[in-house]
Amino acid sequence: MFAPDPGLSPKRLLLCSRENAQRVATRLFDLQPGRVSIVRTGNPLQPFRVCTMPCRGERVEVEMVS
């Protein structure tokens, strides 16, 4: 796992946060219930990713299922 780069802008740090990924995942789930996952990527520019399809072989942090 990578530590956040201190040279990144404050806006980038906010967009890259786990909390922001949770907000995005919740909005997607509210719009279209199904399976929504938050995945840890290991990439410092995109440490978390929101998936609406099965994320096989990836590090799933949170999974919302209806």
Protein backbone atom coordinates (compact mmCIF):
# COMPACT_ATOMS: atom_id res chain seq x y z
CA MET A 1 0.00 0.00 0.00
CA PHE A 2 1.26 3.48 -0.88
CA ALA A 3 1.19 6.50 1.41
CA PRO A 4 -0.47 9.64 0.00
CA ASP A 5 2.01 11.85 -1.81
CA PRO A 6 2.42 15.08 0.22
CA GLY A 7 2.99 16.93 -3.07
CA LEU A 8 -0.61 16.30 -4.16
CA SER A 9 -3.03 19.20 -4.07
CA PRO A 10 -5.60 19.39 -1.25
CA LYS A 11 -8.38 18.83 -3.77
CA ARG A 12 -6.69 15.66 -5.08
CA LEU A 13 -6.26 14.37 -1.52
CA LEU A 14 -9.99 14.95 -0.92
CA LEU A 15 -10.97 13.20 -4.16
CA CYS A 16 -8.64 10.27 -3.39
CA SER A 17 -10.01 9.72 0.11
CA ARG A 18 -11.84 6.65 1.33
CA GLU A 19 -14.65 8.94 2.52
CA ASN A 20 -15.16 10.28 -1.00
CA ALA A 21 -15.25 6.76 -2.41
CA GLN A 22 -17.93 5.93 0.18
CA ARG A 23 -20.00 8.97 -0.88
CA VAL A 24 -19.76 7.99 -4.56
CA ALA A 25 -20.64 4.35 -3.83
CA THR A 26 -23.65 5.39 -1.72
CA ARG A 27 -24.95 7.67 -4.47
CA LEU A 28 -24.59 4.92 -7.07
CA PHE A 29 -26.30 2.41 -4.80
CA ASP A 30 -29.19 4.82 -4.13
CA LEU A 31 -29.67 5.41 -7.87
CA GLN A 32 -29.55 1.78 -8.89
CA PRO A 33 -29.53 -0.84 -6.13
CA GLY A 34 -27.46 -3.90 -6.91
CA ARG A 35 -23.81 -4.57 -6.14
CA VAL A 36 -21.48 -1.64 -5.51
CA SER A 37 -17.95 -2.16 -4.19
CA ILE A 38 -15.12 0.05 -3.00
CA VAL A 39 -11.78 -1.44 -4.04
CA ARG A 40 -8.28 -0.53 -2.81
CA THR A 41 -6.04 -0.19 -5.87
CA GLY A 42 -2.55 0.47 -4.47
CA ASN A 43 -2.15 3.40 -6.88
CA PRO A 44 -1.37 6.66 -5.02
CA LEU A 45 -3.26 8.73 -7.60
CA GLN A 46 -6.36 6.53 -7.30
CA PRO A 47 -6.08 4.59 -4.04
CA PHE A 48 -9.79 3.65 -4.08
CA ARG A 49 -12.09 2.77 -6.95
CA VAL A 50 -15.85 2.24 -7.01
CA CYS A 51 -17.08 -0.78 -9.00
CA THR A 52 -20.59 -1.74 -10.02
CA MET A 53 -19.50 -5.10 -11.42
CA PRO A 54 -17.89 -8.02 -9.58
CA CYS A 55 -14.29 -7.17 -8.66
CA ARG A 56 -12.49 -10.50 -8.74
CA GLY A 57 -8.92 -10.64 -7.52
CA GLU A 58 -8.99 -7.13 -6.10
CA ARG A 59 -8.91 -5.92 -2.51
CA VAL A 60 -12.55 -5.11 -1.76
CA GLU A 61 -12.89 -2.71 1.18
CA VAL A 62 -16.70 -2.41 1.22
CA GLU A 63 -19.44 -4.15 -0.71
CA MET A 64 -23.07 -3.01 -0.79
CA VAL A 65 -25.61 -5.56 -2.07
CA SER A 66 -29.37 -5.29 -2.32
